[in-house]
Amino acid sequence: MRPLLSSEHLATFLAIVETGNLARAADRVARSQSAVSMQLQKLETRIGSRLLDRDAHSIRLSEAGKILLQHARRFRNLNEETWTALTEPLLEGRVRLGIPDDYAVNLLPPVLEAFASRHPRVAVELVCEQSDMLFEGLAARRIDLAVYTQSDARPGTLLRYEPLVWVAPPRAKTEESDPLPLALYQEGSLDREYTLRALEEDGRRYRIAYSSPSIAGLLAALLAGLAVAVMTRCSVPEDLRLLGAEAELPVLPPLGVAVALAPGLQNPSAQRLHDEITLALSAVETHPPKN
């Protein structure tokens, strides 16, 4: 019989990964920092592999840690699903979830699949808009919760950082044009603000050829070979080209992805979806990645 992994040790491992350091993990699992460190060591000894690489600023997963993270989250989800089925009232009703369309396509499907399996009587209504519109929707209680690009004007629970990258058509060398033709999100998006500021600081000539409130508009311009665009790395389709240093375009800062509930909301289903999004999308890094 294969040895069993301790559920307590797995919970501690997840707490370390999702909070980003031992001190915050200790607070989450209500243990001392030394106890958390010892549990991690016991888990690594049990598995026979190092799980995390740590330095003064960050925690990064080893290859074994990446494998364990997937299975530990599945174990936690199954445990929560079982506990909910046996002890909690059945959640029902509707949740209005706001999210930009690029995040919806690339980050949300696994979360919705898991949520639907645990709470089949909850209807989720997706509202896909730009982040500034979503934050306004939260304040107006037009939506119950939102995942959006964080800014000083839009605080929330930080989930992860997504790198911004330059993207070009599959064949056309649009990046060689002068001025540089751009396909950008409409005004109000941080992607657009960061892109224009970086080009101006770099002294690169450009023209805004296309604007769109959705990623579909940017992709149309790219696939037609008419412009370059800036997107989050997670939203770039495989058939488009990522531009590297050879394109001599400025490096862009990453975007913080956050989640928040509408103020004063009393909706148990929305609170549960908020918690599951937080658990599923939280990344190891708690500071912007280096470009």
C-alpha atoms as a PDB file:
ATOM      1  CA  MET A   1       0.000   0.000   0.000  1.00  0.00           C
ATOM      2  CA  ARG A   2       1.345   3.433  -0.933  1.00  0.00           C
ATOM      3  CA  PRO A   3       1.986   5.885   1.914  1.00  0.00           C
ATOM      4  CA  LEU A   4      -0.737   8.482   2.578  1.00  0.00           C
ATOM      5  CA  LEU A   5      -0.055  12.202   2.567  1.00  0.00           C
ATOM      6  CA  SER A   6      -1.240  14.153   5.578  1.00  0.00           C
ATOM      7  CA  SER A   7      -4.187  16.434   4.792  1.00  0.00           C
ATOM      8  CA  GLU A   8      -2.819  18.861   7.395  1.00  0.00           C
ATOM      9  CA  HIS A   9       0.544  18.984   5.640  1.00  0.00           C
ATOM     10  CA  LEU A  10      -1.160  19.519   2.283  1.00  0.00           C
ATOM     11  CA  ALA A  11      -3.200  22.384   3.752  1.00  0.00           C
ATOM     12  CA  THR A  12      -0.001  23.965   5.045  1.00  0.00           C
ATOM     13  CA  PHE A  13       1.679  23.566   1.657  1.00  0.00           C
ATOM     14  CA  LEU A  14      -1.269  25.287  -0.048  1.00  0.00           C
ATOM     15  CA  ALA A  15      -1.219  28.088   2.508  1.00  0.00           C
ATOM     16  CA  ILE A  16       2.483  28.735   1.814  1.00  0.00           C
ATOM     17  CA  VAL A  17       1.961  28.753  -1.950  1.00  0.00           C
ATOM     18  CA  GLU A  18      -1.147  30.936  -1.920  1.00  0.00           C
ATOM     19  CA  THR A  19       0.011  33.504   0.637  1.00  0.00           C
ATOM     20  CA  GLY A  20       3.575  33.735  -0.638  1.00  0.00           C
ATOM     21  CA  ASN A  21       5.493  33.380   2.642  1.00  0.00           C
ATOM     22  CA  LEU A  22       5.691  31.356   5.841  1.00  0.00           C
ATOM     23  CA  ALA A  23       4.460  34.104   8.167  1.00  0.00           C
ATOM     24  CA  ARG A  24       1.171  34.626   6.319  1.00  0.00           C
ATOM     25  CA  ALA A  25       0.783  30.873   5.891  1.00  0.00           C
ATOM     26  CA  ALA A  26       1.189  30.432   9.651  1.00  0.00           C
ATOM     27  CA  ASP A  27      -1.613  32.940  10.238  1.00  0.00           C
ATOM     28  CA  ARG A  28      -3.888  31.100   7.809  1.00  0.00           C
ATOM     29  CA  VAL A  29      -3.429  27.666   9.381  1.00  0.00           C
ATOM     30  CA  ALA A  30      -3.215  29.036  12.957  1.00  0.00           C
ATOM     31  CA  ARG A  31       0.237  27.614  13.635  1.00  0.00           C
ATOM     32  CA  SER A  32       3.621  29.076  14.476  1.00  0.00           C
ATOM     33  CA  GLN A  33       6.024  29.840  11.648  1.00  0.00           C
ATOM     34  CA  SER A  34       8.423  27.174  12.904  1.00  0.00           C
ATOM     35  CA  ALA A  35       5.603  24.596  12.902  1.00  0.00           C
ATOM     36  CA  VAL A  36       4.735  25.512   9.325  1.00  0.00           C
ATOM     37  CA  SER A  37       8.369  25.122   8.285  1.00  0.00           C
ATOM     38  CA  MET A  38       8.568  21.745  10.018  1.00  0.00           C
ATOM     39  CA  GLN A  39       5.380  20.511   8.315  1.00  0.00           C
ATOM     40  CA  LEU A  40       6.803  21.505   4.942  1.00  0.00           C
ATOM     41  CA  GLN A  41      10.000  19.604   5.693  1.00  0.00           C
ATOM     42  CA  LYS A  42       8.021  16.514   6.715  1.00  0.00           C
ATOM     43  CA  LEU A  43       6.013  16.689   3.484  1.00  0.00           C
ATOM     44  CA  GLU A  44       9.183  16.994   1.390  1.00  0.00           C
ATOM     45  CA  THR A  45      10.707  14.049   3.267  1.00  0.00           C
ATOM     46  CA  ARG A  46       7.556  11.986   2.709  1.00  0.00           C
ATOM     47  CA  ILE A  47       7.541  12.725  -1.022  1.00  0.00           C
ATOM     48  CA  GLY A  48      11.309  12.562  -1.404  1.00  0.00           C
ATOM     49  CA  SER A  49      11.597  15.816  -3.349  1.00  0.00           C
ATOM     50  CA  ARG A  50      12.105  19.507  -2.672  1.00  0.00           C
ATOM     51  CA  LEU A  51       8.832  21.371  -3.233  1.00  0.00           C
ATOM     52  CA  LEU A  52       9.743  25.058  -2.948  1.00  0.00           C
ATOM     53  CA  ASP A  53      12.668  27.365  -3.711  1.00  0.00           C
ATOM     54  CA  ARG A  54      12.759  30.264  -1.269  1.00  0.00           C
ATOM     55  CA  ASP A  55      14.701  33.521  -1.055  1.00  0.00           C
ATOM     56  CA  ALA A  56      14.239  36.763   0.841  1.00  0.00           C
ATOM     57  CA  HIS A  57      11.591  38.070  -1.550  1.00  0.00           C
ATOM     58  CA  SER A  58       9.671  35.187  -3.062  1.00  0.00           C
ATOM     59  CA  ILE A  59       8.709  31.540  -3.030  1.00  0.00           C
ATOM     60  CA  ARG A  60       8.799  29.531  -6.246  1.00  0.00           C
ATOM     61  CA  LEU A  61       7.586  26.024  -6.943  1.00  0.00           C
ATOM     62  CA  SER A  62       9.962  23.252  -7.964  1.00  0.00           C
ATOM     63  CA  GLU A  63       8.778  20.815 -10.623  1.00  0.00           C
ATOM     64  CA  ALA A  64       7.583  18.431  -7.910  1.00  0.00           C
ATOM     65  CA  GLY A  65       5.881  21.374  -6.196  1.00  0.00           C
ATOM     66  CA  LYS A  66       3.971  22.261  -9.361  1.00  0.00           C
ATOM     67  CA  ILE A  67       2.664  18.691  -9.618  1.00  0.00           C
ATOM     68  CA  LEU A  68       1.723  18.600  -5.944  1.00  0.00           C
ATOM     69  CA  LEU A  69      -0.045  21.972  -6.176  1.00  0.00           C
ATOM     70  CA  GLN A  70      -2.464  20.679  -8.818  1.00  0.00           C
ATOM     71  CA  HIS A  71      -3.313  17.552  -6.838  1.00  0.00           C
ATOM     72  CA  ALA A  72      -3.445  19.335  -3.463  1.00  0.00           C
ATOM     73  CA  ARG A  73      -5.991  21.787  -4.836  1.00  0.00           C
ATOM     74  CA  ARG A  74      -8.049  18.948  -6.261  1.00  0.00           C
ATOM     75  CA  PHE A  75      -7.904  17.207  -2.883  1.00  0.00           C
ATOM     76  CA  ARG A  76      -9.029  20.386  -1.114  1.00  0.00           C
ATOM     77  CA  ASN A  77     -11.837  20.946  -3.605  1.00  0.00           C
ATOM     78  CA  LEU A  78     -13.093  17.400  -3.177  1.00  0.00           C
ATOM     79  CA  ASN A  79     -12.895  17.716   0.604  1.00  0.00           C
ATOM     80  CA  GLU A  80     -14.820  21.011   0.517  1.00  0.00           C
ATOM     81  CA  GLU A  81     -17.399  19.568  -1.859  1.00  0.00           C
ATOM     82  CA  THR A  82     -17.940  16.580   0.439  1.00  0.00           C
ATOM     83  CA  TRP A  83     -18.174  18.753   3.546  1.00  0.00           C
ATOM     84  CA  THR A  84     -20.602  21.135   1.865  1.00  0.00           C
ATOM     85  CA  ALA A  85     -22.828  18.299   0.694  1.00  0.00           C
ATOM     86  CA  LEU A  86     -23.015  16.831   4.190  1.00  0.00           C
ATOM     87  CA  THR A  87     -23.201  19.876   6.442  1.00  0.00           C
ATOM     88  CA  GLU A  88     -24.232  23.076   4.668  1.00  0.00           C
ATOM     89  CA  PRO A  89     -27.523  24.260   3.205  1.00  0.00           C
ATOM     90  CA  LEU A  90     -27.749  23.850  -0.539  1.00  0.00           C
ATOM     91  CA  LEU A  91     -26.797  27.101  -2.248  1.00  0.00           C
ATOM     92  CA  GLU A  92     -29.283  28.456  -4.756  1.00  0.00           C
ATOM     93  CA  GLY A  93     -29.992  31.675  -6.617  1.00  0.00           C
ATOM     94  CA  ARG A  94     -28.031  33.850  -8.998  1.00  0.00           C
ATOM     95  CA  VAL A  95     -24.576  35.442  -9.009  1.00  0.00           C
ATOM     96  CA  ARG A  96     -23.680  38.305 -11.345  1.00  0.00           C
ATOM     97  CA  LEU A  97     -19.953  38.008 -12.009  1.00  0.00           C
ATOM     98  CA  GLY A  98     -18.126  40.766 -13.869  1.00  0.00           C
ATOM     99  CA  ILE A  99     -14.847  40.068 -15.647  1.00  0.00           C
ATOM    100  CA  PRO A 100     -12.968  41.379 -18.726  1.00  0.00           C
ATOM    101  CA  ASP A 101     -13.409  39.055 -21.676  1.00  0.00           C
ATOM    102  CA  ASP A 102      -9.723  38.116 -21.951  1.00  0.00           C
ATOM    103  CA  TYR A 103      -9.645  37.011 -18.306  1.00  0.00           C
ATOM    104  CA  ALA A 104     -12.985  35.232 -18.746  1.00  0.00           C
ATOM    105  CA  VAL A 105     -11.713  33.085 -21.602  1.00  0.00           C
ATOM    106  CA  ASN A 106      -8.302  32.287 -20.174  1.00  0.00           C
ATOM    107  CA  LEU A 107      -8.641  32.227 -16.374  1.00  0.00           C
ATOM    108  CA  LEU A 108     -12.258  31.464 -15.559  1.00  0.00           C
ATOM    109  CA  PRO A 109     -13.291  28.106 -17.138  1.00  0.00           C
ATOM    110  CA  PRO A 110     -11.708  25.798 -14.501  1.00  0.00           C
ATOM    111  CA  VAL A 111     -13.191  27.913 -11.705  1.00  0.00           C
ATOM    112  CA  LEU A 112     -16.691  27.837 -13.186  1.00  0.00           C
ATOM    113  CA  GLU A 113     -16.474  24.098 -13.825  1.00  0.00           C
ATOM    114  CA  ALA A 114     -15.518  23.382 -10.210  1.00  0.00           C
ATOM    115  CA  PHE A 115     -18.113  25.809  -8.828  1.00  0.00           C
ATOM    116  CA  ALA A 116     -20.907  24.311 -10.956  1.00  0.00           C
ATOM    117  CA  SER A 117     -20.048  20.794  -9.810  1.00  0.00           C
ATOM    118  CA  ARG A 118     -20.332  21.838  -6.155  1.00  0.00           C
ATOM    119  CA  HIS A 119     -23.275  24.222  -6.481  1.00  0.00           C
ATOM    120  CA  PRO A 120     -25.429  23.088  -9.412  1.00  0.00           C
ATOM    121  CA  ARG A 121     -28.425  25.203  -8.350  1.00  0.00           C
ATOM    122  CA  VAL A 122     -26.560  28.507  -8.541  1.00  0.00           C
ATOM    123  CA  ALA A 123     -26.899  30.362 -11.850  1.00  0.00           C
ATOM    124  CA  VAL A 124     -23.865  32.478 -12.781  1.00  0.00           C
ATOM    125  CA  GLU A 125     -24.482  35.467 -15.037  1.00  0.00           C
ATOM    126  CA  LEU A 126     -21.290  36.719 -16.687  1.00  0.00           C
ATOM    127  CA  VAL A 127     -20.879  40.422 -17.413  1.00  0.00           C
ATOM    128  CA  CYS A 128     -17.845  41.023 -19.659  1.00  0.00           C
ATOM    129  CA  GLU A 129     -16.700  44.653 -19.598  1.00  0.00           C
ATOM    130  CA  GLN A 130     -13.530  46.679 -19.116  1.00  0.00           C
ATOM    131  CA  SER A 131     -12.213  46.919 -15.576  1.00  0.00           C
ATOM    132  CA  ASP A 132     -13.245  50.542 -14.970  1.00  0.00           C
ATOM    133  CA  MET A 133     -16.828  49.713 -15.946  1.00  0.00           C
ATOM    134  CA  LEU A 134     -16.819  46.651 -13.699  1.00  0.00           C
ATOM    135  CA  PHE A 135     -15.644  48.614 -10.683  1.00  0.00           C
ATOM    136  CA  GLU A 136     -18.421  51.131 -11.279  1.00  0.00           C
ATOM    137  CA  GLY A 137     -20.836  48.205 -11.543  1.00  0.00           C
ATOM    138  CA  LEU A 138     -19.753  46.934  -8.130  1.00  0.00           C
ATOM    139  CA  ALA A 139     -20.358  50.325  -6.522  1.00  0.00           C
ATOM    140  CA  ALA A 140     -23.799  50.524  -8.143  1.00  0.00           C
ATOM    141  CA  ARG A 141     -24.620  46.911  -7.125  1.00  0.00           C
ATOM    142  CA  ARG A 142     -25.225  46.128 -10.799  1.00  0.00           C
ATOM    143  CA  ILE A 143     -22.954  43.112 -10.338  1.00  0.00           C
ATOM    144  CA  ASP A 144     -22.240  41.040  -7.227  1.00  0.00           C
ATOM    145  CA  LEU A 145     -18.514  40.499  -7.622  1.00  0.00           C
ATOM    146  CA  ALA A 146     -15.834  41.191 -10.186  1.00  0.00           C
ATOM    147  CA  VAL A 147     -12.405  40.058 -11.328  1.00  0.00           C
ATOM    148  CA  TYR A 148     -10.587  43.035 -12.842  1.00  0.00           C
ATOM    149  CA  THR A 149      -7.279  44.788 -13.410  1.00  0.00           C
ATOM    150  CA  GLN A 150      -6.215  46.412 -10.172  1.00  0.00           C
ATOM    151  CA  SER A 151      -5.176  50.071  -9.913  1.00  0.00           C
ATOM    152  CA  ASP A 152      -4.909  52.731  -7.215  1.00  0.00           C
ATOM    153  CA  ALA A 153      -8.507  53.722  -7.989  1.00  0.00           C
ATOM    154  CA  ARG A 154      -9.648  50.089  -8.022  1.00  0.00           C
ATOM    155  CA  PRO A 155      -8.445  48.328  -4.860  1.00  0.00           C
ATOM    156  CA  GLY A 156      -9.352  44.738  -4.119  1.00  0.00           C
ATOM    157  CA  THR A 157      -7.848  41.400  -3.152  1.00  0.00           C
ATOM    158  CA  LEU A 158      -4.779  40.903  -5.338  1.00  0.00           C
ATOM    159  CA  LEU A 159      -4.783  37.452  -6.944  1.00  0.00           C
ATOM    160  CA  ARG A 160      -1.809  37.448  -9.293  1.00  0.00           C
ATOM    161  CA  TYR A 161       0.252  39.458 -11.746  1.00  0.00           C
ATOM    162  CA  GLU A 162      -0.118  38.978 -15.492  1.00  0.00           C
ATOM    163  CA  PRO A 163       2.767  40.128 -17.739  1.00  0.00           C
ATOM    164  CA  LEU A 164       1.936  42.490 -20.604  1.00  0.00           C
ATOM    165  CA  VAL A 165       3.503  41.462 -23.904  1.00  0.00           C
ATOM    166  CA  TRP A 166       3.759  42.836 -27.434  1.00  0.00           C
ATOM    167  CA  VAL A 167       1.859  40.752 -29.980  1.00  0.00           C
ATOM    168  CA  ALA A 168       2.119  40.823 -33.769  1.00  0.00           C
ATOM    169  CA  PRO A 169       0.281  39.215 -36.712  1.00  0.00           C
ATOM    170  CA  PRO A 170       1.346  35.689 -37.639  1.00  0.00           C
ATOM    171  CA  ARG A 171       3.078  36.733 -40.882  1.00  0.00           C
ATOM    172  CA  ALA A 172       2.999  40.494 -41.499  1.00  0.00           C
ATOM    173  CA  LYS A 173       6.014  42.347 -40.063  1.00  0.00           C
ATOM    174  CA  THR A 174       3.828  45.138 -38.755  1.00  0.00           C
ATOM    175  CA  GLU A 175       6.260  45.906 -35.949  1.00  0.00           C
ATOM    176  CA  GLU A 176       8.710  47.286 -38.541  1.00  0.00           C
ATOM    177  CA  SER A 177       6.321  50.055 -39.635  1.00  0.00           C
ATOM    178  CA  ASP A 178       7.023  53.692 -38.792  1.00  0.00           C
ATOM    179  CA  PRO A 179       4.960  55.010 -37.143  1.00  0.00           C
ATOM    180  CA  LEU A 180       4.029  51.824 -35.297  1.00  0.00           C
ATOM    181  CA  PRO A 181       0.338  50.914 -35.916  1.00  0.00           C
ATOM    182  CA  LEU A 182      -1.411  49.984 -32.697  1.00  0.00           C
ATOM    183  CA  ALA A 183      -4.582  48.071 -31.839  1.00  0.00           C
ATOM    184  CA  LEU A 184      -5.512  49.058 -28.285  1.00  0.00           C
ATOM    185  CA  TYR A 185      -8.304  48.708 -25.792  1.00  0.00           C
ATOM    186  CA  GLN A 186     -10.473  51.789 -25.412  1.00  0.00           C
ATOM    187  CA  GLU A 187      -9.583  54.656 -23.089  1.00  0.00           C
ATOM    188  CA  GLY A 188      -9.761  53.755 -19.425  1.00  0.00           C
ATOM    189  CA  SER A 189      -7.754  50.527 -19.680  1.00  0.00           C
ATOM    190  CA  LEU A 190      -4.365  50.256 -17.984  1.00  0.00           C
ATOM    191  CA  ASP A 191      -3.073  48.254 -20.947  1.00  0.00           C
ATOM    192  CA  ARG A 192      -3.583  51.307 -23.159  1.00  0.00           C
ATOM    193  CA  GLU A 193      -2.197  53.749 -20.596  1.00  0.00           C
ATOM    194  CA  TYR A 194       0.961  51.704 -20.000  1.00  0.00           C
ATOM    195  CA  THR A 195       1.532  51.143 -23.722  1.00  0.00           C
ATOM    196  CA  LEU A 196       1.273  54.792 -24.751  1.00  0.00           C
ATOM    197  CA  ARG A 197       3.339  55.998 -21.814  1.00  0.00           C
ATOM    198  CA  ALA A 198       6.113  53.481 -22.554  1.00  0.00           C
ATOM    199  CA  LEU A 199       6.239  54.393 -26.253  1.00  0.00           C
ATOM    200  CA  GLU A 200       6.362  58.108 -25.515  1.00  0.00           C
ATOM    201  CA  GLU A 201       9.117  57.671 -22.928  1.00  0.00           C
ATOM    202  CA  ASP A 202      11.012  55.525 -25.444  1.00  0.00           C
ATOM    203  CA  GLY A 203      10.616  58.106 -28.203  1.00  0.00           C
ATOM    204  CA  ARG A 204       8.958  55.588 -30.530  1.00  0.00           C
ATOM    205  CA  ARG A 205       6.564  57.029 -33.110  1.00  0.00           C
ATOM    206  CA  TYR A 206       3.132  55.373 -33.212  1.00  0.00           C
ATOM    207  CA  ARG A 207      -0.418  55.770 -34.448  1.00  0.00           C
ATOM    208  CA  ILE A 208      -3.568  54.295 -32.931  1.00  0.00           C
ATOM    209  CA  ALA A 209      -5.017  52.360 -35.839  1.00  0.00           C
ATOM    210  CA  TYR A 210      -7.762  50.439 -33.995  1.00  0.00           C
ATOM    211  CA  SER A 211      -9.538  50.709 -30.657  1.00  0.00           C
ATOM    212  CA  SER A 212     -11.890  48.156 -29.148  1.00  0.00           C
ATOM    213  CA  PRO A 213     -13.553  47.463 -25.793  1.00  0.00           C
ATOM    214  CA  SER A 214     -12.965  43.734 -26.250  1.00  0.00           C
ATOM    215  CA  ILE A 215     -10.167  41.361 -27.123  1.00  0.00           C
ATOM    216  CA  ALA A 216     -12.137  40.253 -30.194  1.00  0.00           C
ATOM    217  CA  GLY A 217     -11.536  43.653 -31.792  1.00  0.00           C
ATOM    218  CA  LEU A 218      -7.797  43.480 -31.142  1.00  0.00           C
ATOM    219  CA  LEU A 219      -7.589  39.973 -32.561  1.00  0.00           C
ATOM    220  CA  ALA A 220      -9.438  41.042 -35.712  1.00  0.00           C
ATOM    221  CA  ALA A 221      -6.845  43.751 -36.400  1.00  0.00           C
ATOM    222  CA  LEU A 222      -3.968  41.385 -35.643  1.00  0.00           C
ATOM    223  CA  LEU A 223      -5.234  38.513 -37.758  1.00  0.00           C
ATOM    224  CA  ALA A 224      -5.775  40.941 -40.630  1.00  0.00           C
ATOM    225  CA  GLY A 225      -2.098  41.892 -40.366  1.00  0.00           C
ATOM    226  CA  LEU A 226      -2.875  45.561 -39.717  1.00  0.00           C
ATOM    227  CA  ALA A 227      -1.380  46.375 -36.306  1.00  0.00           C
ATOM    228  CA  VAL A 228       0.520  45.225 -33.248  1.00  0.00           C
ATOM    229  CA  ALA A 229      -1.193  45.004 -29.863  1.00  0.00           C
ATOM    230  CA  VAL A 230      -0.427  44.669 -26.177  1.00  0.00           C
ATOM    231  CA  MET A 231      -2.112  41.836 -24.273  1.00  0.00           C
ATOM    232  CA  THR A 232      -1.739  39.917 -21.063  1.00  0.00           C
ATOM    233  CA  ARG A 233       0.439  36.884 -21.681  1.00  0.00           C
ATOM    234  CA  CYS A 234      -2.316  34.462 -20.687  1.00  0.00           C
ATOM    235  CA  SER A 235      -4.660  35.795 -23.406  1.00  0.00           C
ATOM    236  CA  VAL A 236      -2.372  35.481 -26.457  1.00  0.00           C
ATOM    237  CA  PRO A 237      -3.581  32.846 -28.976  1.00  0.00           C
ATOM    238  CA  GLU A 238      -0.992  30.394 -30.245  1.00  0.00           C
ATOM    239  CA  ASP A 239      -1.273  31.580 -33.848  1.00  0.00           C
ATOM    240  CA  LEU A 240       0.017  35.094 -33.046  1.00  0.00           C
ATOM    241  CA  ARG A 241       3.653  36.127 -32.620  1.00  0.00           C
ATOM    242  CA  LEU A 242       5.143  37.305 -29.338  1.00  0.00           C
ATOM    243  CA  LEU A 243       7.662  40.078 -29.974  1.00  0.00           C
ATOM    244  CA  GLY A 244      10.934  39.850 -28.120  1.00  0.00           C
ATOM    245  CA  ALA A 245      13.886  42.167 -27.605  1.00  0.00           C
ATOM    246  CA  GLU A 246      14.691  42.107 -31.328  1.00  0.00           C
ATOM    247  CA  ALA A 247      11.616  44.279 -31.990  1.00  0.00           C
ATOM    248  CA  GLU A 248      13.183  47.022 -29.835  1.00  0.00           C
ATOM    249  CA  LEU A 249       9.886  47.843 -28.162  1.00  0.00           C
ATOM    250  CA  PRO A 250       9.780  49.086 -24.548  1.00  0.00           C
ATOM    251  CA  VAL A 251       9.308  46.678 -21.664  1.00  0.00           C
ATOM    252  CA  LEU A 252       5.860  47.013 -20.082  1.00  0.00           C
ATOM    253  CA  PRO A 253       4.879  46.645 -16.408  1.00  0.00           C
ATOM    254  CA  PRO A 254       2.645  43.703 -15.437  1.00  0.00           C
ATOM    255  CA  LEU A 255      -1.015  44.027 -14.512  1.00  0.00           C
ATOM    256  CA  GLY A 256      -2.357  43.059 -11.109  1.00  0.00           C
ATOM    257  CA  VAL A 257      -5.503  40.918 -11.239  1.00  0.00           C
ATOM    258  CA  ALA A 258      -7.865  41.487  -8.307  1.00  0.00           C
ATOM    259  CA  VAL A 259     -11.266  40.296  -7.067  1.00  0.00           C
ATOM    260  CA  ALA A 260     -13.865  42.168  -5.005  1.00  0.00           C
ATOM    261  CA  LEU A 261     -17.450  41.870  -3.807  1.00  0.00           C
ATOM    262  CA  ALA A 262     -20.041  44.618  -4.092  1.00  0.00           C
ATOM    263  CA  PRO A 263     -20.080  46.652  -0.855  1.00  0.00           C
ATOM    264  CA  GLY A 264     -22.569  45.428   1.716  1.00  0.00           C
ATOM    265  CA  LEU A 265     -23.547  42.425  -0.385  1.00  0.00           C
ATOM    266  CA  GLN A 266     -25.591  39.730   1.373  1.00  0.00           C
ATOM    267  CA  ASN A 267     -25.421  36.857  -1.121  1.00  0.00           C
ATOM    268  CA  PRO A 268     -23.982  33.566   0.187  1.00  0.00           C
ATOM    269  CA  SER A 269     -23.571  32.200  -3.343  1.00  0.00           C
ATOM    270  CA  ALA A 270     -21.566  35.247  -4.435  1.00  0.00           C
ATOM    271  CA  GLN A 271     -19.413  35.016  -1.313  1.00  0.00           C
ATOM    272  CA  ARG A 272     -18.705  31.355  -2.033  1.00  0.00           C
ATOM    273  CA  LEU A 273     -17.782  32.069  -5.670  1.00  0.00           C
ATOM    274  CA  HIS A 274     -15.535  34.916  -4.486  1.00  0.00           C
ATOM    275  CA  ASP A 275     -13.733  32.531  -2.115  1.00  0.00           C
ATOM    276  CA  GLU A 276     -13.316  29.856  -4.776  1.00  0.00           C
ATOM    277  CA  ILE A 277     -11.966  32.365  -7.314  1.00  0.00           C
ATOM    278  CA  THR A 278      -9.495  33.587  -4.701  1.00  0.00           C
ATOM    279  CA  LEU A 279      -8.276  30.070  -3.971  1.00  0.00           C
ATOM    280  CA  ALA A 280      -8.093  28.996  -7.602  1.00  0.00           C
ATOM    281  CA  LEU A 281      -6.438  32.066  -9.137  1.00  0.00           C
ATOM    282  CA  SER A 282      -4.044  33.134  -6.392  1.00  0.00           C
ATOM    283  CA  ALA A 283      -0.457  32.779  -7.599  1.00  0.00           C
ATOM    284  CA  VAL A 284       2.758  32.202  -5.667  1.00  0.00           C
ATOM    285  CA  GLU A 285       4.263  35.606  -6.484  1.00  0.00           C
ATOM    286  CA  THR A 286       3.034  38.439  -4.262  1.00  0.00           C
ATOM    287  CA  HIS A 287       5.122  41.090  -6.019  1.00  0.00           C
ATOM    288  CA  PRO A 288       5.356  42.097  -9.676  1.00  0.00           C
ATOM    289  CA  PRO A 289       7.474  39.670 -11.740  1.00  0.00           C
ATOM    290  CA  LYS A 290      10.725  40.919 -13.163  1.00  0.00           C
ATOM    291  CA  ASN A 291      10.592  41.629 -16.901  1.00  0.00           C
END
